[in-house]
PDB file of all heavy atoms in Angstrom:
ATOM      1  N   GLY A   1     149.264  53.869 104.575  1.00  0.00           N
ATOM      2  CA  GLY A   1     148.135  53.457 105.410  1.00  0.00           C
ATOM      3  C   GLY A   1     147.747  54.459 106.477  1.00  0.00           C
ATOM      4  O   GLY A   1     146.787  54.229 107.215  1.00  0.00           O
ATOM      5  N   ALA A   2     148.456  55.571 106.564  1.00  0.00           N
ATOM      6  CA  ALA A   2     148.106  56.602 107.546  1.00  0.00           C
ATOM      7  C   ALA A   2     146.665  57.053 107.314  1.00  0.00           C
ATOM      8  O   ALA A   2     146.205  57.108 106.179  1.00  0.00           O
ATOM      9  CB  ALA A   2     149.050  57.789 107.426  1.00  0.00           C
ATOM     10  N   LEU A   3     145.966  57.387 108.387  1.00  0.00           N
ATOM     11  CA  LEU A   3     144.597  57.878 108.255  1.00  0.00           C
ATOM     12  C   LEU A   3     144.594  59.387 108.102  1.00  0.00           C
ATOM     13  O   LEU A   3     145.237  60.098 108.867  1.00  0.00           O
ATOM     14  CB  LEU A   3     143.753  57.477 109.459  1.00  0.00           C
ATOM     15  CG  LEU A   3     143.347  56.022 109.530  1.00  0.00           C
ATOM     16  CD1 LEU A   3     142.468  55.771 110.747  1.00  0.00           C
ATOM     17  CD2 LEU A   3     142.627  55.587 108.268  1.00  0.00           C
ATOM     18  N   LEU A   4     143.851  59.848 107.115  1.00  0.00           N
ATOM     19  CA  LEU A   4     143.725  61.271 106.816  1.00  0.00           C
ATOM     20  C   LEU A   4     142.284  61.707 107.038  1.00  0.00           C
ATOM     21  O   LEU A   4     141.354  60.911 106.865  1.00  0.00           O
ATOM     22  CB  LEU A   4     144.098  61.539 105.355  1.00  0.00           C
ATOM     23  CG  LEU A   4     145.429  60.988 104.849  1.00  0.00           C
ATOM     24  CD1 LEU A   4     145.578  61.276 103.361  1.00  0.00           C
ATOM     25  CD2 LEU A   4     146.581  61.570 105.641  1.00  0.00           C
ATOM     26  N   THR A   5     142.101  62.984 107.383  1.00  0.00           N
ATOM     27  CA  THR A   5     140.764  63.557 107.462  1.00  0.00           C
ATOM     28  C   THR A   5     140.752  64.871 106.699  1.00  0.00           C
ATOM     29  O   THR A   5     141.772  65.548 106.585  1.00  0.00           O
ATOM     30  CB  THR A   5     140.319  63.815 108.921  1.00  0.00           C
ATOM     31  OG1 THR A   5     141.289  64.634 109.564  1.00  0.00           O
ATOM     32  CG2 THR A   5     140.170  62.515 109.698  1.00  0.00           C
ATOM     33  N   CYS A   6     139.581  65.200 106.161  1.00  0.00           N
ATOM     34  CA  CYS A   6     139.380  66.470 105.472  1.00  0.00           C
ATOM     35  C   CYS A   6     138.312  67.231 106.246  1.00  0.00           C
ATOM     36  O   CYS A   6     137.311  66.642 106.664  1.00  0.00           O
ATOM     37  CB  CYS A   6     138.937  66.236 104.030  1.00  0.00           C
ATOM     38  SG  CYS A   6     138.543  67.786 103.158  1.00  0.00           S
ATOM     39  N   SER A   7     138.506  68.523 106.389  1.00  0.00           N
ATOM     40  CA  SER A   7     137.558  69.333 107.154  1.00  0.00           C
ATOM     41  C   SER A   7     136.171  69.361 106.518  1.00  0.00           C
ATOM     42  O   SER A   7     135.188  69.666 107.198  1.00  0.00           O
ATOM     43  CB  SER A   7     138.099  70.759 107.328  1.00  0.00           C
ATOM     44  OG  SER A   7     138.382  71.333 106.065  1.00  0.00           O
ATOM     45  N   PHE A   8     136.043  69.015 105.239  1.00  0.00           N
ATOM     46  CA  PHE A   8     134.740  68.974 104.583  1.00  0.00           C
ATOM     47  C   PHE A   8     134.340  67.560 104.156  1.00  0.00           C
ATOM     48  O   PHE A   8     133.305  67.365 103.526  1.00  0.00           O
ATOM     49  CB  PHE A   8     134.706  69.900 103.364  1.00  0.00           C
ATOM     50  CG  PHE A   8     134.713  71.353 103.732  1.00  0.00           C
ATOM     51  CD1 PHE A   8     135.744  72.180 103.313  1.00  0.00           C
ATOM     52  CD2 PHE A   8     133.707  71.904 104.500  1.00  0.00           C
ATOM     53  CE1 PHE A   8     135.759  73.526 103.652  1.00  0.00           C
ATOM     54  CE2 PHE A   8     133.712  73.241 104.847  1.00  0.00           C
ATOM     55  CZ  PHE A   8     134.746  74.058 104.411  1.00  0.00           C
ATOM     56  N   GLY A   9     135.160  66.569 104.490  1.00  0.00           N
ATOM     57  CA  GLY A   9     134.855  65.186 104.156  1.00  0.00           C
ATOM     58  C   GLY A   9     134.000  64.548 105.228  1.00  0.00           C
ATOM     59  O   GLY A   9     133.990  64.983 106.383  1.00  0.00           O
ATOM     60  N   MET A  10     133.269  63.505 104.856  1.00  0.00           N
ATOM     61  CA  MET A  10     132.377  62.848 105.810  1.00  0.00           C
ATOM     62  C   MET A  10     132.960  61.565 106.400  1.00  0.00           C
ATOM     63  O   MET A  10     132.353  60.977 107.292  1.00  0.00           O
ATOM     64  CB  MET A  10     131.032  62.555 105.147  1.00  0.00           C
ATOM     65  CG  MET A  10     130.284  63.832 104.796  1.00  0.00           C
ATOM     66  SD  MET A  10     128.670  63.529 104.073  1.00  0.00           S
ATOM     67  CE  MET A  10     127.740  63.031 105.510  1.00  0.00           C
ATOM     68  N   ALA A  11     134.133  61.128 105.927  1.00  0.00           N
ATOM     69  CA  ALA A  11     134.768  59.916 106.449  1.00  0.00           C
ATOM     70  C   ALA A  11     136.275  60.042 106.272  1.00  0.00           C
ATOM     71  O   ALA A  11     136.743  60.764 105.394  1.00  0.00           O
ATOM     72  CB  ALA A  11     134.252  58.687 105.705  1.00  0.00           C
ATOM     73  N   PRO A  12     137.051  59.347 107.103  1.00  0.00           N
ATOM     74  CA  PRO A  12     138.506  59.367 106.913  1.00  0.00           C
ATOM     75  C   PRO A  12     138.910  58.611 105.655  1.00  0.00           C
ATOM     76  O   PRO A  12     138.110  57.882 105.065  1.00  0.00           O
ATOM     77  CB  PRO A  12     139.037  58.681 108.173  1.00  0.00           C
ATOM     78  CG  PRO A  12     137.914  57.886 108.699  1.00  0.00           C
ATOM     79  CD  PRO A  12     136.640  58.548 108.244  1.00  0.00           C
ATOM     80  N   SER A  13     140.144  58.787 105.268  1.00  0.00           N
ATOM     81  CA  SER A  13     140.704  58.134 104.093  1.00  0.00           C
ATOM     82  C   SER A  13     142.103  57.643 104.462  1.00  0.00           C
ATOM     83  O   SER A  13     142.703  58.136 105.419  1.00  0.00           O
ATOM     84  CB  SER A  13     140.775  59.135 102.947  1.00  0.00           C
ATOM     85  OG  SER A  13     141.345  58.555 101.809  1.00  0.00           O
ATOM     86  N   ALA A  14     142.622  56.700 103.705  1.00  0.00           N
ATOM     87  CA  ALA A  14     143.972  56.193 103.954  1.00  0.00           C
ATOM     88  C   ALA A  14     144.946  56.745 102.921  1.00  0.00           C
ATOM     89  O   ALA A  14     144.615  56.849 101.739  1.00  0.00           O
ATOM     90  CB  ALA A  14     143.982  54.673 103.906  1.00  0.00           C
ATOM     91  N   LEU A  15     146.128  57.115 103.386  1.00  0.00           N
ATOM     92  CA  LEU A  15     147.192  57.577 102.494  1.00  0.00           C
ATOM     93  C   LEU A  15     147.831  56.370 101.821  1.00  0.00           C
ATOM     94  O   LEU A  15     148.093  55.355 102.471  1.00  0.00           O
ATOM     95  CB  LEU A  15     148.260  58.340 103.286  1.00  0.00           C
ATOM     96  CG  LEU A  15     149.454  58.851 102.484  1.00  0.00           C
ATOM     97  CD1 LEU A  15     149.029  59.986 101.560  1.00  0.00           C
ATOM     98  CD2 LEU A  15     150.557  59.314 103.413  1.00  0.00           C
ATOM     99  N   VAL A  16     148.066  56.480 100.527  1.00  0.00           N
ATOM    100  CA  VAL A  16     148.729  55.414  99.779  1.00  0.00           C
ATOM    101  C   VAL A  16     150.112  55.927  99.370  1.00  0.00           C
ATOM    102  O   VAL A  16     150.222  56.918  98.651  1.00  0.00           O
ATOM    103  CB  VAL A  16     147.917  55.017  98.525  1.00  0.00           C
ATOM    104  CG1 VAL A  16     148.663  53.959  97.728  1.00  0.00           C
ATOM    105  CG2 VAL A  16     146.529  54.541  98.920  1.00  0.00           C
ATOM    106  N   VAL A  17     151.143  55.263  99.862  1.00  0.00           N
ATOM    107  CA  VAL A  17     152.518  55.600  99.484  1.00  0.00           C
ATOM    108  C   VAL A  17     152.960  54.528  98.502  1.00  0.00           C
ATOM    109  O   VAL A  17     153.065  53.357  98.857  1.00  0.00           O
ATOM    110  CB  VAL A  17     153.454  55.647 100.707  1.00  0.00           C
ATOM    111  CG1 VAL A  17     154.874  55.990 100.273  1.00  0.00           C
ATOM    112  CG2 VAL A  17     152.947  56.664 101.722  1.00  0.00           C
ATOM    113  N   THR A  18     153.176  54.925  97.271  1.00  0.00           N
ATOM    114  CA  THR A  18     153.520  53.968  96.224  1.00  0.00           C
ATOM    115  C   THR A  18     154.977  53.500  96.359  1.00  0.00           C
ATOM    116  O   THR A  18     155.812  54.219  96.916  1.00  0.00           O
ATOM    117  CB  THR A  18     153.250  54.574  94.834  1.00  0.00           C
ATOM    118  OG1 THR A  18     153.905  55.835  94.751  1.00  0.00           O
ATOM    119  CG2 THR A  18     151.759  54.777  94.627  1.00  0.00           C
ATOM    120  N   PRO A  19     155.296  52.320  95.869  1.00  0.00           N
ATOM    121  CA  PRO A  19     156.600  51.696  96.137  1.00  0.00           C
ATOM    122  C   PRO A  19     157.818  52.315  95.453  1.00  0.00           C
ATOM    123  O   PRO A  19     158.925  51.914  95.753  1.00  0.00           O
ATOM    124  CB  PRO A  19     156.396  50.255  95.676  1.00  0.00           C
ATOM    125  CG  PRO A  19     155.318  50.326  94.669  1.00  0.00           C
ATOM    126  CD  PRO A  19     154.419  51.455  95.096  1.00  0.00           C
ATOM    127  N   GLU A  20     157.631  53.292  94.579  1.00  0.00           N
ATOM    128  CA  GLU A  20     158.819  53.825  93.898  1.00  0.00           C
ATOM    129  C   GLU A  20     159.783  54.543  94.839  1.00  0.00           C
ATOM    130  O   GLU A  20     160.936  54.744  94.505  1.00  0.00           O
ATOM    131  CB  GLU A  20     158.438  54.732  92.715  1.00  0.00           C
ATOM    132  CG  GLU A  20     157.769  56.022  93.080  1.00  0.00           C
ATOM    133  CD  GLU A  20     156.251  55.972  92.960  1.00  0.00           C
ATOM    134  OE1 GLU A  20     155.699  54.897  92.814  1.00  0.00           O
ATOM    135  OE2 GLU A  20     155.637  57.034  93.025  1.00  0.00           O
ATOM    136  N   LYS A  21     159.351  54.932  96.014  1.00  0.00           N
ATOM    137  CA  LYS A  21     160.231  55.624  96.968  1.00  0.00           C
ATOM    138  C   LYS A  21     161.274  54.686  97.568  1.00  0.00           C
ATOM    139  O   LYS A  21     162.400  55.050  97.775  1.00  0.00           O
ATOM    140  CB  LYS A  21     159.407  56.254  98.102  1.00  0.00           C
ATOM    141  CG  LYS A  21     158.342  57.194  97.635  1.00  0.00           C
ATOM    142  CD  LYS A  21     158.906  58.544  97.314  1.00  0.00           C
ATOM    143  CE  LYS A  21     157.843  59.546  96.996  1.00  0.00           C
ATOM    144  NZ  LYS A  21     157.161  59.380  95.743  1.00  0.00           N
ATOM    145  N   ARG A  22     160.855  53.488  97.938  1.00  0.00           N
ATOM    146  CA  ARG A  22     161.711  52.463  98.516  1.00  0.00           C
ATOM    147  C   ARG A  22     162.420  52.900  99.786  1.00  0.00           C
ATOM    148  O   ARG A  22     163.504  52.430 100.104  1.00  0.00           O
ATOM    149  CB  ARG A  22     162.721  51.953  97.486  1.00  0.00           C
ATOM    150  CG  ARG A  22     162.069  51.242  96.341  1.00  0.00           C
ATOM    151  CD  ARG A  22     163.116  50.567  95.456  1.00  0.00           C
ATOM    152  NE  ARG A  22     162.481  49.923  94.342  1.00  0.00           N
ATOM    153  CZ  ARG A  22     162.336  50.466  93.140  1.00  0.00           C
ATOM    154  NH1 ARG A  22     162.812  51.653  92.897  1.00  0.00           N
ATOM    155  NH2 ARG A  22     161.729  49.812  92.180  1.00  0.00           N
ATOM    156  N   VAL A  23     161.827  53.817 100.540  1.00  0.00           N
ATOM    157  CA  VAL A  23     162.367  54.214 101.836  1.00  0.00           C
ATOM    158  C   VAL A  23     161.367  53.731 102.877  1.00  0.00           C
ATOM    159  O   VAL A  23     160.172  53.982 102.750  1.00  0.00           O
ATOM    160  CB  VAL A  23     162.555  55.742 101.935  1.00  0.00           C
ATOM    161  CG1 VAL A  23     163.004  56.137 103.331  1.00  0.00           C
ATOM    162  CG2 VAL A  23     163.565  56.210 100.897  1.00  0.00           C
ATOM    163  N   MET A  24     161.855  53.033 103.873  1.00  0.00           N
ATOM    164  CA  MET A  24     160.974  52.452 104.870  1.00  0.00           C
ATOM    165  C   MET A  24     161.137  53.158 106.219  1.00  0.00           C
ATOM    166  O   MET A  24     162.203  53.620 106.568  1.00  0.00           O
ATOM    167  CB  MET A  24     161.285  50.967 105.044  1.00  0.00           C
ATOM    168  CG  MET A  24     161.240  50.172 103.749  1.00  0.00           C
ATOM    169  SD  MET A  24     159.620  50.115 103.029  1.00  0.00           S
ATOM    170  CE  MET A  24     159.053  48.598 103.712  1.00  0.00           C
ATOM    171  N   SER A  25     160.032  53.210 106.965  1.00  0.00           N
ATOM    172  CA  SER A  25     160.013  53.727 108.325  1.00  0.00           C
ATOM    173  C   SER A  25     159.053  52.828 109.096  1.00  0.00           C
ATOM    174  O   SER A  25     157.904  52.651 108.688  1.00  0.00           O
ATOM    175  CB  SER A  25     159.534  55.180 108.345  1.00  0.00           C
ATOM    176  OG  SER A  25     159.529  55.684 109.658  1.00  0.00           O
ATOM    177  N   SER A  26     159.521  52.232 110.172  1.00  0.00           N
ATOM    178  CA  SER A  26     158.722  51.260 110.933  1.00  0.00           C
ATOM    179  C   SER A  26     158.228  50.138 110.028  1.00  0.00           C
ATOM    180  O   SER A  26     157.087  49.702 110.113  1.00  0.00           O
ATOM    181  CB  SER A  26     157.546  51.937 111.632  1.00  0.00           C
ATOM    182  OG  SER A  26     157.993  52.862 112.575  1.00  0.00           O
ATOM    183  N   MET A  27     159.078  49.702 109.099  1.00  0.00           N
ATOM    184  CA  MET A  27     158.793  48.606 108.166  1.00  0.00           C
ATOM    185  C   MET A  27     157.641  48.912 107.208  1.00  0.00           C
ATOM    186  O   MET A  27     157.003  48.004 106.682  1.00  0.00           O
ATOM    187  CB  MET A  27     158.540  47.314 108.944  1.00  0.00           C
ATOM    188  CG  MET A  27     159.763  46.886 109.737  1.00  0.00           C
ATOM    189  SD  MET A  27     159.589  45.432 110.785  1.00  0.00           S
ATOM    190  CE  MET A  27     158.654  44.324 109.805  1.00  0.00           C
TER     191      MET A  27
END
C-alpha cells in the first residue's frame, strides 16, 4: 500500500506486496 511516484507519471500509484513473502512490518 505504499505510495509511489514516477517522474514522468501524472498520478501516484500504490505498491502491491503479494502474500507469498509472509513477512510483516507494522502488521
